[in-house]
Amino acid sequence: MLLQTLREQVLEANLELSRRGLALFTFGNASGIDRASGLVAIKPSGVPYERMRAQDLPILDLDGKVVDGEMRPSSDLDTHLGLYRFSAEIGGVVHTHSRSATIWAQARRPIPCFGTTHADYFRGEVPVTQVLSDEEVRTEEASTGAAIIRALAGRDPLEMPGMLVAGHGPFTWGRDAVEAAHHAVLLEEVAALALATVSINPAAVPIPRSLLDRHFLRKHGAGAFYGQPGAPS
């Protein structure tokens, strides 16, 4: 993938966060990786979305070394790089402070799968990481990536394309930056639905596993039958 193409794709993912109201001011960031070259494009630190241009996005290698661009990368860079090193299936990463998902993260509670809307995109409750120790806070961004990876243990990252970081906010990922942004929008929606559900019925329980799997697998995997062949779900 040419660097300009990668930059334009990652810019579009960042702008989607702003358009959808998931990122206020300069909050949040999206990145994408070109696996052939091992190079990553990411939102520049502190730049407002309305002023951002494709050429503003720095390009880095997986060690965090800037190889092209003049601007400083997002302060969350090390979290993104950790996820790219963790799984070759991850081609894009997004972080936001979207309202409902951040409420769950601050409450340090996973988001239960109360209904089929959730099950269509996340195969089970959306996990929350453990709180970082005082030692881990010294390398917060890298430690956040490690905490996400620990909480993903035993899960397929494309079946659980999102995570709540305790006391912080949500991260999502996908096959590319645009899909990661799509998952950020979906995560905020299911977080809002779950928040409303427990406000009406604090004793609400998750849907049965059979129904959860039915709805997830109709859209994902070899046996998927939702939508049209070759079209995104």
Protein backbone atom coordinates (compact mmCIF):
# COMPACT_ATOMS: atom_id res chain seq x y z
CA MET A 1 0.00 0.00 0.00
CA LEU A 2 1.35 3.42 -0.93
CA LEU A 3 1.91 5.77 2.01
CA GLN A 4 -0.55 8.30 0.60
CA THR A 5 -3.25 5.64 0.28
CA LEU A 6 -2.64 4.53 3.87
CA ARG A 7 -2.75 8.12 5.11
CA GLU A 8 -6.02 8.82 3.27
CA GLN A 9 -7.66 5.70 4.69
CA VAL A 10 -6.57 6.53 8.24
CA LEU A 11 -7.65 10.16 7.80
CA GLU A 12 -11.12 8.95 6.78
CA ALA A 13 -11.30 6.76 9.90
CA ASN A 14 -10.36 9.70 12.10
CA LEU A 15 -12.91 11.99 10.45
CA GLU A 16 -15.60 9.36 10.95
CA LEU A 17 -15.04 9.55 14.71
CA SER A 18 -15.65 13.29 14.59
CA ARG A 19 -18.67 13.04 12.27
CA ARG A 20 -20.32 10.49 14.55
CA GLY A 21 -19.75 12.57 17.67
CA LEU A 22 -17.38 10.04 19.23
CA ALA A 23 -14.43 12.44 19.50
CA LEU A 24 -14.68 15.96 20.96
CA PHE A 25 -12.04 18.60 20.20
CA THR A 26 -8.79 16.63 19.77
CA PHE A 27 -9.90 13.54 21.75
CA GLY A 28 -9.45 10.08 20.26
CA ASN A 29 -7.30 8.66 17.49
CA ALA A 30 -7.32 6.15 14.67
CA SER A 31 -4.43 4.33 13.02
CA GLY A 32 -3.88 1.79 10.28
CA ILE A 33 -1.07 -0.50 9.22
CA ASP A 34 0.22 -1.61 5.84
CA ARG A 35 1.26 -5.19 6.64
CA ALA A 36 3.42 -5.52 3.53
CA SER A 37 5.76 -2.77 4.68
CA GLY A 38 5.06 -2.94 8.42
CA LEU A 39 4.37 0.81 8.46
CA VAL A 40 1.69 2.54 10.52
CA ALA A 41 -0.15 5.84 9.96
CA ILE A 42 -1.75 7.47 13.00
CA LYS A 43 -3.48 10.69 13.97
CA PRO A 44 -1.05 13.46 14.92
CA SER A 45 -1.18 14.49 18.57
CA GLY A 46 -3.40 17.42 19.48
CA VAL A 47 -4.52 18.35 15.96
CA PRO A 48 -8.24 19.26 15.61
CA TYR A 49 -10.14 17.02 13.21
CA GLU A 50 -11.42 19.92 11.11
CA ARG A 51 -7.83 21.02 10.36
CA MET A 52 -6.33 17.59 9.74
CA ARG A 53 -4.97 16.70 6.31
CA ALA A 54 -3.69 13.35 5.06
CA GLN A 55 -0.12 14.61 4.89
CA ASP A 56 -0.28 15.55 8.58
CA LEU A 57 -0.41 11.89 9.63
CA PRO A 58 3.02 10.60 10.66
CA ILE A 59 4.23 7.23 9.38
CA LEU A 60 6.09 4.97 11.80
CA ASP A 61 7.53 1.49 11.92
CA LEU A 62 6.44 -1.10 14.49
CA ASP A 63 9.20 0.06 16.83
CA GLY A 64 7.67 3.54 16.90
CA LYS A 65 10.34 5.21 14.77
CA VAL A 66 9.01 7.99 12.54
CA VAL A 67 9.94 7.25 8.94
CA ASP A 68 7.88 9.95 7.23
CA GLY A 69 6.09 13.11 8.34
CA GLU A 70 6.79 16.14 10.49
CA MET A 71 4.12 15.92 13.20
CA ARG A 72 4.31 14.14 16.53
CA PRO A 73 2.15 10.98 16.63
CA SER A 74 -0.76 10.41 19.00
CA SER A 75 0.22 9.90 22.62
CA ASP A 76 -1.60 6.53 22.44
CA LEU A 77 0.82 5.24 19.80
CA ASP A 78 2.33 2.50 21.98
CA THR A 79 -1.11 1.00 22.63
CA HIS A 80 -1.79 0.82 18.90
CA LEU A 81 1.63 -0.70 18.16
CA GLY A 82 1.14 -3.33 20.85
CA LEU A 83 -2.10 -4.46 19.22
CA TYR A 84 -0.50 -4.61 15.77
CA ARG A 85 2.33 -6.74 17.14
CA PHE A 86 -0.18 -8.97 18.96
CA SER A 87 -2.26 -10.01 15.95
CA ALA A 88 -1.61 -9.87 12.21
CA GLU A 89 -5.39 -9.86 11.73
CA ILE A 90 -5.60 -6.36 13.19
CA GLY A 91 -5.17 -3.77 10.45
CA GLY A 92 -6.65 -0.72 12.16
CA VAL A 93 -7.06 0.54 15.74
CA VAL A 94 -9.30 3.28 17.16
CA HIS A 95 -9.50 4.91 20.58
CA THR A 96 -12.28 7.26 21.66
CA HIS A 97 -13.77 8.71 24.81
CA SER A 98 -17.33 8.20 23.55
CA ARG A 99 -19.83 8.90 26.32
CA SER A 100 -21.64 5.62 26.99
CA ALA A 101 -18.69 3.30 26.46
CA THR A 102 -16.53 5.50 28.69
CA ILE A 103 -19.19 5.35 31.42
CA TRP A 104 -18.87 1.55 31.43
CA ALA A 105 -15.07 1.82 31.43
CA GLN A 106 -15.12 4.24 34.37
CA ALA A 107 -17.50 1.94 36.23
CA ARG A 108 -15.02 -0.88 35.49
CA ARG A 109 -17.83 -3.09 34.25
CA PRO A 110 -17.95 -5.19 31.08
CA ILE A 111 -20.90 -4.54 28.77
CA PRO A 112 -23.29 -7.51 28.97
CA CYS A 113 -24.85 -8.85 25.79
CA PHE A 114 -28.47 -8.01 26.58
CA GLY A 115 -29.75 -8.31 23.01
CA THR A 116 -29.22 -9.26 19.42
CA THR A 117 -28.00 -5.80 18.35
CA HIS A 118 -24.94 -6.40 20.55
CA ALA A 119 -24.65 -10.03 19.38
CA ASP A 120 -24.52 -9.00 15.73
CA TYR A 121 -21.06 -7.48 16.22
CA PHE A 122 -19.50 -8.60 19.52
CA ARG A 123 -19.50 -12.32 20.37
CA GLY A 124 -20.16 -11.99 24.09
CA GLU A 125 -19.85 -9.30 26.72
CA VAL A 126 -17.37 -6.56 25.88
CA PRO A 127 -14.57 -7.03 28.44
CA VAL A 128 -12.96 -4.44 30.66
CA THR A 129 -9.26 -4.51 31.48
CA GLN A 130 -7.75 -4.67 34.93
CA VAL A 131 -6.75 -1.36 36.48
CA LEU A 132 -3.11 -0.53 35.79
CA SER A 133 -0.75 -0.79 38.75
CA ASP A 134 1.34 2.19 39.87
CA GLU A 135 4.32 0.60 38.14
CA GLU A 136 2.37 0.10 34.89
CA VAL A 137 1.19 3.71 34.91
CA ARG A 138 4.81 4.78 34.40
CA THR A 139 4.56 3.28 30.91
CA GLU A 140 0.82 3.81 30.59
CA GLU A 141 0.36 3.54 26.84
CA ALA A 142 2.40 0.34 26.39
CA SER A 143 0.86 -1.10 29.57
CA THR A 144 -2.62 -0.33 28.26
CA GLY A 145 -1.89 -2.38 25.16
CA ALA A 146 -0.64 -5.23 27.32
CA ALA A 147 -3.75 -5.03 29.52
CA ILE A 148 -6.01 -5.24 26.47
CA ILE A 149 -4.09 -8.26 25.18
CA ARG A 150 -4.38 -10.00 28.57
CA ALA A 151 -8.14 -9.39 28.62
CA LEU A 152 -8.40 -10.82 25.09
CA ALA A 153 -6.85 -14.14 26.15
CA GLY A 154 -8.65 -17.02 24.48
CA ARG A 155 -10.72 -14.73 22.24
CA ASP A 156 -10.49 -14.17 18.50
CA PRO A 157 -9.79 -10.41 18.14
CA LEU A 158 -12.13 -10.21 15.15
CA GLU A 159 -14.95 -11.82 17.14
CA MET A 160 -14.37 -9.35 19.99
CA PRO A 161 -13.24 -6.21 18.13
CA GLY A 162 -13.45 -3.90 21.14
CA MET A 163 -12.39 -3.47 24.74
CA LEU A 164 -12.98 -1.10 27.64
CA VAL A 165 -9.85 0.16 29.37
CA ALA A 166 -10.68 0.58 33.06
CA GLY A 167 -10.89 4.22 34.07
CA HIS A 168 -10.04 5.35 30.56
CA GLY A 169 -12.28 4.49 27.62
CA PRO A 170 -12.87 2.17 24.67
CA PHE A 171 -10.49 0.81 22.05
CA THR A 172 -11.69 -0.97 18.92
CA TRP A 173 -9.96 -2.62 15.99
CA GLY A 174 -10.66 -4.24 12.65
CA ARG A 175 -9.13 -5.44 9.41
CA ASP A 176 -8.35 -1.83 8.51
CA ALA A 177 -8.76 1.63 10.00
CA VAL A 178 -12.21 2.21 8.48
CA GLU A 179 -13.55 -1.04 9.95
CA ALA A 180 -12.02 -0.16 13.33
CA ALA A 181 -13.91 3.17 13.23
CA HIS A 182 -17.10 1.30 12.28
CA HIS A 183 -16.65 -0.89 15.35
CA ALA A 184 -16.16 2.22 17.52
CA VAL A 185 -19.57 3.51 16.37
CA LEU A 186 -21.16 0.13 17.06
CA LEU A 187 -19.53 -0.19 20.48
CA GLU A 188 -20.91 3.19 21.53
CA GLU A 189 -24.38 2.14 20.38
CA VAL A 190 -24.40 -1.15 22.31
CA ALA A 191 -22.95 0.64 25.36
CA ALA A 192 -25.81 3.15 25.23
CA LEU A 193 -28.40 0.38 24.83
CA ALA A 194 -26.95 -1.56 27.77
CA LEU A 195 -26.85 1.56 29.94
CA ALA A 196 -30.52 2.23 29.24
CA THR A 197 -31.38 -1.43 29.82
CA VAL A 198 -29.92 -1.55 33.33
CA SER A 199 -31.50 1.81 34.18
CA ILE A 200 -34.95 0.36 33.40
CA ASN A 201 -34.26 -3.11 34.79
CA PRO A 202 -31.21 -3.45 37.05
CA ALA A 203 -31.85 -7.21 37.15
CA ALA A 204 -31.65 -7.65 33.37
CA VAL A 205 -29.71 -10.73 32.27
CA PRO A 206 -27.78 -11.48 29.05
CA ILE A 207 -29.48 -13.32 26.20
CA PRO A 208 -28.87 -17.08 25.93
CA ARG A 209 -25.62 -18.18 24.31
CA SER A 210 -27.50 -19.96 21.53
CA LEU A 211 -29.20 -16.72 20.47
CA LEU A 212 -25.96 -14.74 20.79
CA ASP A 213 -24.07 -17.18 18.58
CA ARG A 214 -26.92 -17.39 16.06
CA HIS A 215 -26.86 -13.64 15.50
CA PHE A 216 -23.09 -13.28 15.46
CA LEU A 217 -22.51 -16.19 13.09
CA ARG A 218 -25.22 -15.14 10.64
CA LYS A 219 -23.03 -12.10 9.86
CA HIS A 220 -19.51 -13.44 10.44
CA GLY A 221 -17.53 -16.54 9.52
CA ALA A 222 -17.71 -19.16 6.81
CA GLY A 223 -21.41 -19.87 7.33
CA ALA A 224 -22.58 -16.24 7.30
CA PHE A 225 -25.83 -15.71 5.38
CA TYR A 226 -26.83 -12.11 6.20
CA GLY A 227 -26.78 -9.57 3.34
CA GLN A 228 -25.47 -10.05 -0.18
CA PRO A 229 -22.33 -11.99 -1.21
CA GLY A 230 -19.26 -9.78 -1.13
CA ALA A 231 -21.06 -6.89 0.58
CA PRO A 232 -19.95 -5.62 4.02
CA SER A 233 -22.17 -6.63 6.94
